[in-house]
Every structure is written in structure tokens, then in C-alpha cells.
N, C-alpha and C. Protein backbone atom coordinates (compact mmCIF):
# COMPACT_ATOMS: atom_id res chain seq x y z
N MET A 1 -1.81 -9.55 -26.30
CA MET A 1 -2.87 -9.93 -25.46
C MET A 1 -4.12 -8.96 -25.73
N GLY A 2 -5.26 -9.39 -26.00
CA GLY A 2 -6.23 -8.81 -26.41
C GLY A 2 -6.73 -8.08 -25.22
N ARG A 3 -7.76 -6.98 -25.66
CA ARG A 3 -8.24 -6.17 -24.45
C ARG A 3 -9.16 -6.87 -23.62
N ARG A 4 -10.04 -7.52 -24.06
CA ARG A 4 -10.89 -8.47 -23.26
C ARG A 4 -10.34 -9.58 -22.37
N TYR A 5 -9.09 -10.15 -22.89
CA TYR A 5 -8.45 -10.92 -21.89
C TYR A 5 -7.67 -10.20 -21.02
N ARG A 6 -7.06 -8.98 -21.18
CA ARG A 6 -6.61 -8.18 -20.20
C ARG A 6 -7.55 -7.78 -19.06
N LEU A 7 -8.79 -7.60 -19.36
CA LEU A 7 -9.87 -7.03 -18.66
C LEU A 7 -10.13 -8.34 -17.69
N VAL A 8 -10.27 -9.48 -18.15
CA VAL A 8 -10.58 -10.61 -17.49
C VAL A 8 -9.28 -10.81 -16.37
N ILE A 9 -8.23 -10.70 -16.74
CA ILE A 9 -7.11 -10.89 -15.94
C ILE A 9 -7.27 -9.83 -14.57
N LEU A 10 -7.52 -8.54 -15.00
CA LEU A 10 -7.63 -7.72 -14.20
C LEU A 10 -8.59 -8.03 -13.06
N ILE A 11 -9.92 -8.41 -13.48
CA ILE A 11 -10.93 -8.81 -12.83
C ILE A 11 -10.52 -9.92 -11.75
N LEU A 12 -9.92 -10.75 -12.30
CA LEU A 12 -9.56 -12.10 -11.73
C LEU A 12 -8.34 -11.60 -10.42
N GLU A 13 -7.40 -10.68 -10.96
CA GLU A 13 -6.54 -10.17 -9.94
C GLU A 13 -7.29 -9.61 -8.65
N GLU A 14 -8.17 -8.75 -9.00
CA GLU A 14 -9.05 -8.03 -7.86
C GLU A 14 -9.67 -8.99 -6.94
N LYS A 15 -10.28 -10.08 -7.72
CA LYS A 15 -11.03 -11.09 -6.93
C LYS A 15 -10.06 -11.68 -6.00
N LEU A 16 -9.09 -12.30 -6.48
CA LEU A 16 -8.04 -13.15 -5.84
C LEU A 16 -7.52 -12.37 -4.61
N THR A 17 -6.90 -11.09 -5.05
CA THR A 17 -6.12 -10.32 -4.15
C THR A 17 -7.02 -9.76 -2.85
N LYS A 18 -8.29 -9.24 -3.34
CA LYS A 18 -9.01 -8.74 -2.18
C LYS A 18 -9.43 -10.06 -1.29
N ARG A 19 -9.79 -11.18 -1.62
CA ARG A 19 -9.90 -12.38 -0.95
C ARG A 19 -8.63 -12.69 0.04
N LYS A 20 -7.56 -12.41 -0.58
CA LYS A 20 -6.28 -12.61 0.32
C LYS A 20 -6.13 -11.37 1.26
N ALA A 21 -6.64 -10.15 1.10
CA ALA A 21 -6.33 -9.03 1.87
C ALA A 21 -7.44 -9.37 3.15
N LYS A 22 -8.58 -10.04 2.86
CA LYS A 22 -9.48 -10.40 3.91
C LYS A 22 -8.99 -11.59 4.57
N ALA A 23 -8.39 -12.34 4.17
CA ALA A 23 -7.82 -13.58 4.97
C ALA A 23 -6.67 -12.95 5.80
N LEU A 24 -5.85 -12.17 5.15
CA LEU A 24 -4.74 -11.42 5.98
C LEU A 24 -5.18 -10.90 7.29
N TYR A 25 -6.39 -10.43 7.33
CA TYR A 25 -6.98 -9.81 8.52
C TYR A 25 -7.59 -10.77 9.37
N ASP A 26 -8.45 -11.53 8.80
CA ASP A 26 -9.35 -12.59 9.32
C ASP A 26 -8.60 -13.91 10.10
N SER A 27 -7.43 -14.09 9.41
CA SER A 27 -6.57 -15.04 10.16
C SER A 27 -5.61 -14.70 11.12
N GLY A 28 -5.42 -13.35 11.35
CA GLY A 28 -4.61 -12.95 12.15
C GLY A 28 -3.19 -12.70 11.59
N ASP A 29 -2.88 -13.42 10.44
CA ASP A 29 -1.66 -13.25 9.71
C ASP A 29 -1.13 -11.78 9.61
N ILE A 30 -1.86 -10.84 9.54
CA ILE A 30 -1.61 -9.50 9.52
C ILE A 30 -0.55 -9.26 10.66
N THR A 31 -0.78 -9.72 11.78
CA THR A 31 0.20 -9.37 12.79
C THR A 31 1.64 -9.95 12.80
N ARG A 32 1.91 -10.89 11.74
CA ARG A 32 3.15 -11.35 11.53
C ARG A 32 4.09 -10.26 10.63
N ALA A 33 3.44 -9.36 10.06
CA ALA A 33 4.16 -8.43 9.26
C ALA A 33 5.15 -7.45 10.26
N GLU A 34 6.34 -7.63 10.04
CA GLU A 34 7.40 -6.61 10.65
C GLU A 34 6.48 -5.09 10.42
N ILE A 35 6.65 -4.22 11.48
CA ILE A 35 6.21 -3.09 11.40
C ILE A 35 7.21 -2.06 10.76
N GLY A 36 6.90 -1.14 9.89
CA GLY A 36 7.86 -0.18 9.35
C GLY A 36 8.81 -0.54 8.55
N THR A 37 9.25 -1.82 8.19
CA THR A 37 10.11 -2.03 7.50
C THR A 37 9.99 -2.86 5.88
N TYR A 38 10.98 -2.79 5.09
CA TYR A 38 10.84 -3.53 3.82
C TYR A 38 10.31 -4.90 4.00
N SER A 39 10.88 -5.62 5.00
CA SER A 39 10.44 -6.96 5.13
C SER A 39 9.09 -7.19 5.42
N GLY A 40 8.52 -6.20 6.12
CA GLY A 40 7.15 -6.37 6.52
C GLY A 40 6.23 -6.02 5.33
N LEU A 41 6.83 -5.18 4.57
CA LEU A 41 5.88 -4.72 3.34
C LEU A 41 6.04 -5.84 2.31
N ALA A 42 7.07 -6.68 2.20
CA ALA A 42 7.32 -7.63 1.35
C ALA A 42 6.31 -9.02 1.76
N TYR A 43 6.25 -9.16 3.14
CA TYR A 43 5.28 -10.06 3.76
C TYR A 43 4.02 -9.81 3.20
N ILE A 44 3.39 -8.60 3.34
CA ILE A 44 2.17 -8.26 2.81
C ILE A 44 1.97 -8.26 1.62
N HIS A 45 2.86 -8.02 0.59
CA HIS A 45 2.74 -8.04 -0.78
C HIS A 45 2.82 -9.53 -1.21
N ARG A 46 3.67 -10.30 -0.66
CA ARG A 46 3.66 -11.88 -0.95
C ARG A 46 2.32 -12.42 -0.60
N TYR A 47 1.89 -12.05 0.55
CA TYR A 47 0.41 -12.65 1.04
C TYR A 47 -0.65 -12.36 -0.03
N LEU A 48 -0.71 -10.97 -0.48
CA LEU A 48 -1.80 -10.50 -1.48
C LEU A 48 -1.40 -11.03 -2.73
N PHE A 49 -0.35 -11.24 -3.21
CA PHE A 49 -0.03 -11.33 -4.64
C PHE A 49 0.34 -12.65 -5.12
N GLU A 50 0.83 -13.64 -4.00
CA GLU A 50 1.41 -14.83 -4.45
C GLU A 50 0.75 -15.67 -5.33
N GLU A 51 -0.73 -15.42 -5.61
CA GLU A 51 -1.33 -16.34 -6.52
C GLU A 51 -1.36 -15.83 -7.81
N ILE A 52 -0.87 -14.55 -7.90
CA ILE A 52 -0.98 -13.88 -9.33
C ILE A 52 0.33 -13.62 -9.85
N TYR A 53 1.25 -13.26 -9.29
CA TYR A 53 2.64 -12.90 -9.55
C TYR A 53 3.58 -13.80 -9.13
N GLU A 54 4.50 -14.18 -9.96
CA GLU A 54 5.76 -15.16 -9.35
C GLU A 54 6.67 -14.44 -8.55
N PHE A 55 6.86 -12.94 -8.98
CA PHE A 55 7.71 -11.96 -8.39
C PHE A 55 7.08 -11.39 -6.88
N ALA A 56 5.92 -12.04 -6.59
CA ALA A 56 5.21 -11.54 -5.19
C ALA A 56 6.16 -11.49 -3.97
N GLY A 57 6.38 -10.36 -3.53
CA GLY A 57 7.17 -10.15 -2.28
C GLY A 57 8.59 -10.08 -2.53
N ASN A 58 9.11 -10.08 -3.98
CA ASN A 58 10.34 -10.09 -4.37
C ASN A 58 10.55 -8.63 -4.88
N LEU A 59 11.78 -8.19 -4.47
CA LEU A 59 12.32 -6.95 -4.90
C LEU A 59 12.43 -6.77 -6.40
N ARG A 60 12.05 -5.82 -6.92
CA ARG A 60 11.89 -5.69 -8.63
C ARG A 60 13.36 -5.77 -9.01
N THR A 61 13.32 -6.10 -10.23
CA THR A 61 14.76 -6.20 -11.16
C THR A 61 14.55 -5.42 -12.34
N VAL A 62 13.62 -4.62 -12.39
CA VAL A 62 13.65 -3.70 -13.58
C VAL A 62 13.26 -2.37 -12.90
N ASN A 63 13.68 -1.27 -13.89
CA ASN A 63 13.25 -0.04 -13.56
C ASN A 63 11.90 0.32 -13.81
N ILE A 64 11.08 1.01 -13.14
CA ILE A 64 9.76 1.37 -13.44
C ILE A 64 9.45 2.74 -13.35
N SER A 65 8.58 3.22 -14.10
CA SER A 65 8.01 4.58 -13.83
C SER A 65 6.43 4.74 -14.01
N LYS A 66 5.84 5.72 -13.70
CA LYS A 66 4.40 5.91 -13.69
C LYS A 66 4.17 7.31 -13.76
N GLY A 67 3.19 7.63 -14.79
CA GLY A 67 3.03 9.13 -15.23
C GLY A 67 4.07 9.83 -15.31
N GLY A 68 5.30 9.48 -15.78
CA GLY A 68 6.38 10.25 -16.19
C GLY A 68 7.34 10.38 -14.96
N PHE A 69 6.97 9.75 -13.87
CA PHE A 69 8.00 9.85 -12.61
C PHE A 69 8.68 8.38 -12.58
N ARG A 70 9.94 8.56 -12.40
CA ARG A 70 10.60 7.34 -12.39
C ARG A 70 11.11 6.97 -10.81
N PHE A 71 10.77 5.91 -10.48
CA PHE A 71 11.04 5.54 -9.26
C PHE A 71 12.50 5.10 -9.11
N VAL A 72 12.79 4.87 -7.89
CA VAL A 72 14.28 4.68 -7.55
C VAL A 72 14.84 3.51 -8.56
N PRO A 73 16.00 3.77 -9.14
CA PRO A 73 16.45 2.84 -9.97
C PRO A 73 16.99 1.63 -9.43
N VAL A 74 16.86 0.33 -10.00
CA VAL A 74 17.11 -0.89 -9.37
C VAL A 74 18.57 -0.76 -8.89
N LEU A 75 19.43 -0.06 -9.49
CA LEU A 75 20.93 -0.06 -8.98
C LEU A 75 21.03 0.43 -7.48
N TYR A 76 19.93 1.24 -7.38
CA TYR A 76 20.09 1.97 -5.86
C TYR A 76 18.88 1.43 -4.86
N LEU A 77 18.09 0.56 -5.28
CA LEU A 77 16.93 0.09 -4.65
C LEU A 77 17.19 -0.40 -3.26
N GLN A 78 18.22 -1.40 -3.40
CA GLN A 78 18.55 -2.11 -1.96
C GLN A 78 18.96 -0.99 -0.74
N SER A 79 19.71 -0.13 -1.33
CA SER A 79 20.37 1.00 -0.35
C SER A 79 19.35 1.85 0.02
N ALA A 80 18.45 2.26 -0.97
CA ALA A 80 17.10 3.05 -0.51
C ALA A 80 16.30 2.34 0.46
N LEU A 81 16.18 1.12 0.26
CA LEU A 81 15.38 0.30 1.39
C LEU A 81 15.91 0.27 2.77
N GLU A 82 17.20 0.11 2.67
CA GLU A 82 17.91 0.03 3.97
C GLU A 82 17.87 1.38 4.66
N GLN A 83 18.05 2.41 4.00
CA GLN A 83 17.75 3.82 4.56
C GLN A 83 16.36 4.00 5.12
N ILE A 84 15.33 3.63 4.33
CA ILE A 84 14.02 3.66 4.74
C ILE A 84 13.67 2.78 5.86
N ASP A 85 14.34 1.69 5.97
CA ASP A 85 14.18 0.85 7.24
C ASP A 85 14.71 1.62 8.51
N SER A 86 15.84 2.42 8.26
CA SER A 86 16.43 2.98 9.53
C SER A 86 16.04 4.35 9.74
N MET A 87 14.97 4.83 8.94
CA MET A 87 14.31 6.01 9.37
C MET A 87 13.42 5.81 10.65
N PRO A 88 13.45 7.04 11.39
CA PRO A 88 12.71 7.00 12.60
C PRO A 88 11.17 6.92 12.06
N GLN A 89 10.18 6.31 13.11
CA GLN A 89 9.00 6.18 12.95
C GLN A 89 8.08 6.61 14.10
N GLN A 90 8.64 7.49 14.98
CA GLN A 90 7.87 7.80 16.18
C GLN A 90 7.06 9.07 15.75
N GLY A 91 5.80 8.97 15.89
CA GLY A 91 4.82 10.06 15.75
C GLY A 91 4.33 9.96 14.25
N PHE A 92 3.26 10.64 14.15
CA PHE A 92 2.42 10.95 12.81
C PHE A 92 3.44 11.40 11.86
N GLU A 93 4.03 12.53 11.86
CA GLU A 93 5.00 13.04 10.77
C GLU A 93 6.14 12.02 10.30
N GLN A 94 6.79 11.45 11.17
CA GLN A 94 7.86 10.56 10.72
C GLN A 94 7.20 9.21 10.18
N VAL A 95 6.12 8.73 10.47
CA VAL A 95 5.39 7.55 9.95
C VAL A 95 5.05 8.02 8.46
N VAL A 96 4.40 9.21 8.11
CA VAL A 96 4.12 9.37 6.87
C VAL A 96 5.38 9.83 6.15
N GLU A 97 6.40 10.42 6.56
CA GLU A 97 7.64 10.74 5.81
C GLU A 97 8.27 9.36 5.33
N LYS A 98 8.09 8.22 6.26
CA LYS A 98 8.62 7.13 5.78
C LYS A 98 7.74 6.33 4.61
N TYR A 99 6.65 6.57 4.80
CA TYR A 99 5.54 6.14 3.82
C TYR A 99 5.74 6.69 2.53
N VAL A 100 5.93 7.95 2.42
CA VAL A 100 6.51 8.79 1.25
C VAL A 100 7.81 8.23 0.58
N GLU A 101 8.76 8.02 1.50
CA GLU A 101 10.05 7.55 0.89
C GLU A 101 9.70 6.01 0.27
N MET A 102 8.97 5.28 0.96
CA MET A 102 8.77 3.80 0.65
C MET A 102 7.92 3.96 -0.86
N ASN A 103 7.09 4.82 -0.88
CA ASN A 103 6.36 5.15 -2.14
C ASN A 103 7.50 5.40 -3.50
N VAL A 104 8.27 6.11 -3.03
CA VAL A 104 9.59 6.69 -4.09
C VAL A 104 9.99 5.49 -4.31
N ALA A 105 10.53 4.65 -3.51
CA ALA A 105 11.28 3.45 -3.76
C ALA A 105 10.53 2.27 -4.65
N HIS A 106 9.02 2.15 -4.33
CA HIS A 106 8.32 1.41 -5.23
C HIS A 106 8.93 0.02 -5.40
N PRO A 107 9.18 -0.82 -4.42
CA PRO A 107 10.13 -1.93 -4.43
C PRO A 107 9.68 -3.11 -5.41
N PHE A 108 8.18 -3.01 -5.64
CA PHE A 108 7.84 -4.11 -6.54
C PHE A 108 7.39 -3.88 -7.98
N ARG A 109 7.23 -4.84 -8.85
CA ARG A 109 7.04 -4.60 -10.18
C ARG A 109 5.37 -4.01 -10.31
N GLU A 110 4.63 -4.37 -9.23
CA GLU A 110 3.20 -4.24 -9.52
C GLU A 110 2.57 -4.42 -8.06
N GLY A 111 1.55 -3.80 -7.89
CA GLY A 111 0.73 -3.90 -6.53
C GLY A 111 1.30 -3.15 -5.35
N ASN A 112 2.25 -2.24 -5.51
CA ASN A 112 3.05 -1.46 -4.39
C ASN A 112 2.04 -0.62 -3.67
N GLY A 113 1.02 0.29 -4.15
CA GLY A 113 0.31 1.06 -3.51
C GLY A 113 -0.88 0.24 -2.52
N ARG A 114 -1.32 -0.94 -3.11
CA ARG A 114 -2.20 -1.64 -2.36
C ARG A 114 -1.38 -2.30 -1.10
N ALA A 115 -0.51 -2.70 -1.24
CA ALA A 115 0.40 -3.25 -0.14
C ALA A 115 0.87 -2.27 0.65
N MET A 116 1.24 -1.05 0.14
CA MET A 116 1.93 -0.01 1.26
C MET A 116 0.67 0.50 1.93
N ARG A 117 -0.73 0.78 1.46
CA ARG A 117 -1.52 1.25 2.30
C ARG A 117 -1.76 0.40 3.48
N ILE A 118 -1.87 -0.94 3.30
CA ILE A 118 -1.86 -1.62 4.68
C ILE A 118 -0.73 -1.55 5.41
N TRP A 119 0.50 -1.59 4.99
CA TRP A 119 1.74 -1.37 5.69
C TRP A 119 1.70 -0.04 6.44
N LEU A 120 1.10 0.99 5.80
CA LEU A 120 1.05 2.33 6.47
C LEU A 120 0.10 2.20 7.77
N ASP A 121 -1.10 1.58 7.43
CA ASP A 121 -2.02 1.47 8.60
C ASP A 121 -1.56 0.56 9.72
N LEU A 122 -0.68 -0.28 9.58
CA LEU A 122 0.04 -1.14 10.53
C LEU A 122 0.89 -0.13 11.28
N LEU A 123 1.69 0.55 10.57
CA LEU A 123 2.64 1.36 11.11
C LEU A 123 2.06 2.63 12.06
N LEU A 124 0.94 3.04 11.34
CA LEU A 124 0.26 4.08 12.15
C LEU A 124 -0.45 3.53 13.50
N LYS A 125 -0.95 2.29 13.20
CA LYS A 125 -1.55 1.62 14.43
C LYS A 125 -0.53 1.54 15.60
N ALA A 126 0.59 0.99 15.17
CA ALA A 126 1.75 0.76 16.10
C ALA A 126 2.36 2.06 16.92
N GLU A 127 2.43 3.00 15.99
CA GLU A 127 3.13 4.15 16.42
C GLU A 127 2.24 5.33 17.10
N VAL A 128 1.05 5.57 16.50
CA VAL A 128 0.28 6.64 17.20
C VAL A 128 -1.36 6.00 17.41
N GLN A 129 -1.60 4.76 17.57
CA GLN A 129 -2.89 4.09 17.85
C GLN A 129 -3.90 4.76 17.12
N ARG A 130 -3.58 4.75 15.72
CA ARG A 130 -4.81 5.32 14.79
C ARG A 130 -4.42 4.57 13.40
N VAL A 131 -5.52 4.56 12.73
CA VAL A 131 -5.39 4.07 11.10
C VAL A 131 -6.19 5.03 10.48
N VAL A 132 -5.90 4.84 9.05
CA VAL A 132 -6.62 5.86 8.08
C VAL A 132 -8.09 5.34 7.86
N ASP A 133 -9.14 6.15 7.80
CA ASP A 133 -10.33 5.75 7.27
C ASP A 133 -10.27 6.27 5.82
N TRP A 134 -9.90 5.23 4.93
CA TRP A 134 -9.67 5.56 3.58
C TRP A 134 -10.94 6.00 2.92
N ASN A 135 -12.09 5.67 3.42
CA ASN A 135 -13.39 6.46 2.84
C ASN A 135 -13.40 7.68 2.92
N GLN A 136 -12.68 8.55 3.76
CA GLN A 136 -12.49 9.95 3.97
C GLN A 136 -11.42 10.58 3.15
N VAL A 137 -10.86 9.71 2.24
CA VAL A 137 -9.81 10.39 1.43
C VAL A 137 -10.07 10.11 -0.04
N ASP A 138 -10.38 11.32 -0.70
CA ASP A 138 -10.68 11.33 -2.05
C ASP A 138 -9.61 10.94 -2.98
N LYS A 139 -9.99 10.06 -3.88
CA LYS A 139 -9.02 9.61 -4.86
C LYS A 139 -8.24 10.50 -5.46
N ASP A 140 -8.79 11.34 -6.07
CA ASP A 140 -8.00 12.24 -7.05
C ASP A 140 -6.94 13.17 -6.01
N GLU A 141 -7.55 13.68 -4.85
CA GLU A 141 -6.74 14.44 -4.02
C GLU A 141 -5.62 13.65 -3.53
N TYR A 142 -5.69 12.22 -3.16
CA TYR A 142 -4.81 11.29 -2.51
C TYR A 142 -3.58 11.14 -3.70
N LEU A 143 -4.26 10.91 -4.89
CA LEU A 143 -3.19 10.71 -6.03
C LEU A 143 -2.35 11.93 -6.28
N ASP A 144 -2.97 13.03 -6.29
CA ASP A 144 -2.23 14.47 -6.39
C ASP A 144 -1.25 14.45 -5.30
N ALA A 145 -1.54 14.33 -4.29
CA ALA A 145 -0.98 14.60 -3.14
C ALA A 145 0.27 13.58 -3.09
N MET A 146 0.25 12.31 -3.56
CA MET A 146 1.20 11.39 -3.41
C MET A 146 2.15 11.67 -4.58
N GLN A 147 1.73 12.36 -5.72
CA GLN A 147 2.48 12.76 -6.89
C GLN A 147 3.51 13.93 -6.42
N LEU A 148 2.88 14.64 -5.48
CA LEU A 148 3.53 15.98 -5.11
C LEU A 148 4.46 15.67 -3.87
N SER A 149 4.20 14.61 -3.04
CA SER A 149 4.79 14.36 -1.92
C SER A 149 6.36 14.18 -2.13
N VAL A 150 6.76 13.88 -3.34
CA VAL A 150 8.26 13.74 -3.77
C VAL A 150 8.95 14.86 -3.34
N VAL A 151 8.38 16.18 -3.66
CA VAL A 151 9.06 17.40 -3.17
C VAL A 151 8.43 17.97 -2.05
N ASN A 152 7.24 17.83 -1.71
CA ASN A 152 6.57 18.60 -0.56
C ASN A 152 5.49 17.50 -0.01
N ASP A 153 5.61 17.14 1.21
CA ASP A 153 4.72 16.11 1.71
C ASP A 153 3.66 16.65 2.39
N LYS A 154 3.36 18.06 2.69
CA LYS A 154 2.44 18.63 3.49
C LYS A 154 0.86 18.20 2.98
N ALA A 155 0.77 18.03 1.68
CA ALA A 155 -0.55 17.94 1.24
C ALA A 155 -1.07 16.29 1.67
N ILE A 156 -0.14 15.58 1.54
CA ILE A 156 -0.36 14.03 1.92
C ILE A 156 -0.63 13.94 3.57
N LYS A 157 0.39 14.70 4.16
CA LYS A 157 0.00 14.64 5.51
C LYS A 157 -1.28 15.05 5.99
N GLY A 158 -1.61 16.25 5.33
CA GLY A 158 -3.03 16.81 5.74
C GLY A 158 -3.96 15.88 5.52
N LEU A 159 -4.07 15.33 4.11
CA LEU A 159 -5.07 14.24 3.86
C LEU A 159 -5.17 13.18 4.79
N ILE A 160 -4.06 12.59 5.19
CA ILE A 160 -4.04 11.49 6.04
C ILE A 160 -4.45 11.74 7.42
N GLU A 161 -4.10 12.91 8.00
CA GLU A 161 -4.29 12.98 9.23
C GLU A 161 -5.82 13.47 9.45
N GLN A 162 -6.42 14.13 8.42
CA GLN A 162 -7.74 14.30 8.69
C GLN A 162 -8.62 13.18 8.53
N ALA A 163 -8.10 12.06 8.05
CA ALA A 163 -8.79 10.85 7.90
C ALA A 163 -8.53 9.78 8.98
N LEU A 164 -7.48 10.29 9.97
CA LEU A 164 -7.23 9.36 11.00
C LEU A 164 -8.49 8.93 12.07
N THR A 165 -8.54 7.80 12.42
CA THR A 165 -9.58 7.27 13.47
C THR A 165 -8.99 6.27 14.40
N ASP A 166 -9.54 6.42 15.53
CA ASP A 166 -8.98 5.46 16.64
C ASP A 166 -9.70 3.94 16.70
N ARG A 167 -10.40 3.79 15.52
CA ARG A 167 -10.88 2.50 15.33
C ARG A 167 -10.00 1.44 14.68
N ILE A 168 -9.04 1.18 15.53
CA ILE A 168 -7.80 0.45 14.92
C ILE A 168 -8.13 -0.86 14.77
N ASP A 169 -8.95 -1.51 15.48
CA ASP A 169 -9.28 -3.03 15.40
C ASP A 169 -10.67 -3.22 14.58
N ASP A 170 -11.27 -2.24 13.92
CA ASP A 170 -12.44 -2.43 13.22
C ASP A 170 -12.44 -3.10 11.95
N ARG A 171 -12.98 -4.22 11.94
CA ARG A 171 -13.00 -5.21 10.72
C ARG A 171 -13.53 -4.63 9.66
N ALA A 172 -14.83 -4.01 9.68
CA ALA A 172 -15.54 -3.33 8.70
C ALA A 172 -14.78 -2.34 8.04
N LEU A 173 -14.17 -1.37 8.95
CA LEU A 173 -13.27 -0.38 8.35
C LEU A 173 -11.88 -0.81 7.64
N TYR A 174 -11.38 -1.89 8.05
CA TYR A 174 -10.39 -2.40 7.22
C TYR A 174 -10.72 -2.91 5.90
N LEU A 175 -11.82 -3.59 5.82
CA LEU A 175 -12.45 -4.07 4.60
C LEU A 175 -12.96 -3.02 3.63
N LYS A 176 -13.58 -2.02 4.26
CA LYS A 176 -13.69 -0.90 3.38
C LYS A 176 -12.65 -0.23 2.99
N GLY A 177 -11.43 -0.25 3.64
CA GLY A 177 -10.26 0.40 3.28
C GLY A 177 -9.70 -0.22 2.20
N ILE A 178 -9.72 -1.56 2.22
CA ILE A 178 -9.40 -2.28 0.96
C ILE A 178 -9.98 -2.04 -0.09
N ASP A 179 -11.32 -1.86 -0.09
CA ASP A 179 -12.05 -1.47 -1.32
C ASP A 179 -11.61 -0.03 -1.86
N VAL A 180 -11.45 0.68 -1.19
CA VAL A 180 -11.02 2.13 -1.56
C VAL A 180 -9.54 2.22 -2.06
N SER A 181 -8.71 1.55 -1.35
CA SER A 181 -7.31 1.30 -1.88
C SER A 181 -7.29 0.77 -3.06
N TYR A 182 -8.21 -0.40 -3.53
CA TYR A 182 -8.20 -0.81 -4.68
C TYR A 182 -8.79 0.20 -5.69
N TYR A 183 -9.84 0.70 -5.36
CA TYR A 183 -10.46 1.83 -6.24
C TYR A 183 -9.34 2.98 -6.67
N TYR A 184 -8.45 3.42 -5.79
CA TYR A 184 -7.41 4.19 -6.12
C TYR A 184 -6.57 3.75 -7.41
N GLU A 185 -6.65 2.39 -7.51
CA GLU A 185 -5.72 1.88 -8.68
C GLU A 185 -6.67 1.36 -9.53
N GLY A 186 -7.83 1.48 -9.69
CA GLY A 186 -8.70 1.22 -10.76
C GLY A 186 -9.47 0.08 -10.75
N TYR A 187 -9.61 -0.69 -9.66
CA TYR A 187 -10.05 -1.92 -9.37
C TYR A 187 -11.43 -1.74 -8.56
N SER A 188 -12.82 -2.01 -8.96
CA SER A 188 -13.81 -1.75 -8.28
C SER A 188 -15.05 -2.74 -8.54
N GLU A 189 -14.53 -3.90 -8.98
CA GLU A 189 -15.61 -5.07 -9.45
C GLU A 189 -16.28 -5.51 -8.29
N PHE A 190 -15.47 -5.74 -7.19
CA PHE A 190 -15.99 -6.49 -5.82
C PHE A 190 -15.92 -5.70 -4.61
N LYS A 191 -16.84 -5.96 -3.79
CA LYS A 191 -16.71 -5.53 -2.38
C LYS A 191 -15.83 -6.78 -1.69
N THR A 192 -14.95 -6.47 -0.79
CA THR A 192 -14.18 -7.41 -0.04
C THR A 192 -14.69 -8.13 0.76
N GLU A 193 -15.79 -7.50 1.42
CA GLU A 193 -16.69 -8.06 2.28
C GLU A 193 -17.53 -9.35 1.89
N ASP A 194 -17.69 -9.24 0.70
CA ASP A 194 -18.59 -10.32 -0.03
C ASP A 194 -17.69 -11.39 -0.71
N LEU A 195 -16.51 -11.32 -0.62
CA LEU A 195 -15.58 -12.42 -1.36
C LEU A 195 -15.36 -13.52 -0.10
């Protein structure tokens, strides 16, 4: 596949999935996602990526790694997700710990981070009546903290905590958060609000 073709595919993916992220909120379908479970995350993932990936919302069947880090092997993935589902989620600390564990599991072949940040906000909204203002979280600091979170989650907890807001039903904040979330993954051609 040529470089230009791959770039066109990535731009198309960004446009389609940002539209879906916007529709997820505007339609109220976001309220259908089960809070704090793999099932809820799979619902979000499927909703965002169903027009792009035939595996959208389905548990990955291949081992994956990123930057030298190997995510939970397929052999143990179902068991890991069951353990994550059973983790407590009362209060900020437990919510972020659950988020970190879900990141280590990385249950999908592609699109984990974008779906998980929406999942995290739903969980924070339900448990602590806050969401993350992702505009307040620096990309490099976030990515470094997530990488470190496997052994020490203090940095990611600190970053997220300082960016919490009580604007839990603010549409503009949600849409800007989608843009920032996508920016973390290298997507920045479109503003979600304009789609």
C-alpha cells in the first residue's frame, strides 16, 4: 500500500469516526454504554469504528505491541477483561486504576485509546461527577504518563486529576475532547464540531 493511499485512508478514518463520536453524543446513544465494563467499551468502539473496521467492537484475535510494550496476550485477554470488569470503581483513584488496566489489556486491534478516553469520561461522570477537560492535558505528558502507568500510575492520576471539571454535560467540551483525543493518536485534519 502506497504512502499516499495510506494517508487518504487515515484522513477518511478520522473524518468518519469523529462524525460518529459526535453522533454518539448528539443522539444520546452514549447513555447506552454500560459504565466501567468491557461491554461498554466494546459498544463505544463499535459505534465509532463500525464503518471502518470489520473487527469494530470485537475482541482482538492477535497479539499487539506499541513502542516495545506488549499488551495482554490474546491467550489471557478474556480473563484480564473479566478481572477489570470486577475491579472496584468508587472514587477517582479506583476509576483511574481501572482505566490503566484497560489500557494494558488493549482489547481491540486498533482505536483503543480513542474509545477508552470516552469510556473513562463516562466512568468519571458516573462515579465522581467530573469529566476530563482533555484540552488541559499535554499530549507528550499524557503519553509518557500512560507508558509509565504500567509500573506507577501516580503521574497519570496527577495529570487527569488536575484536568477534571464539573462540566459533565457540556457538549462543546466533549467535542473539543474528541479532537484532543484524536490529536494524541496523530489525527488532526478535522474539528469534530465542523463535521
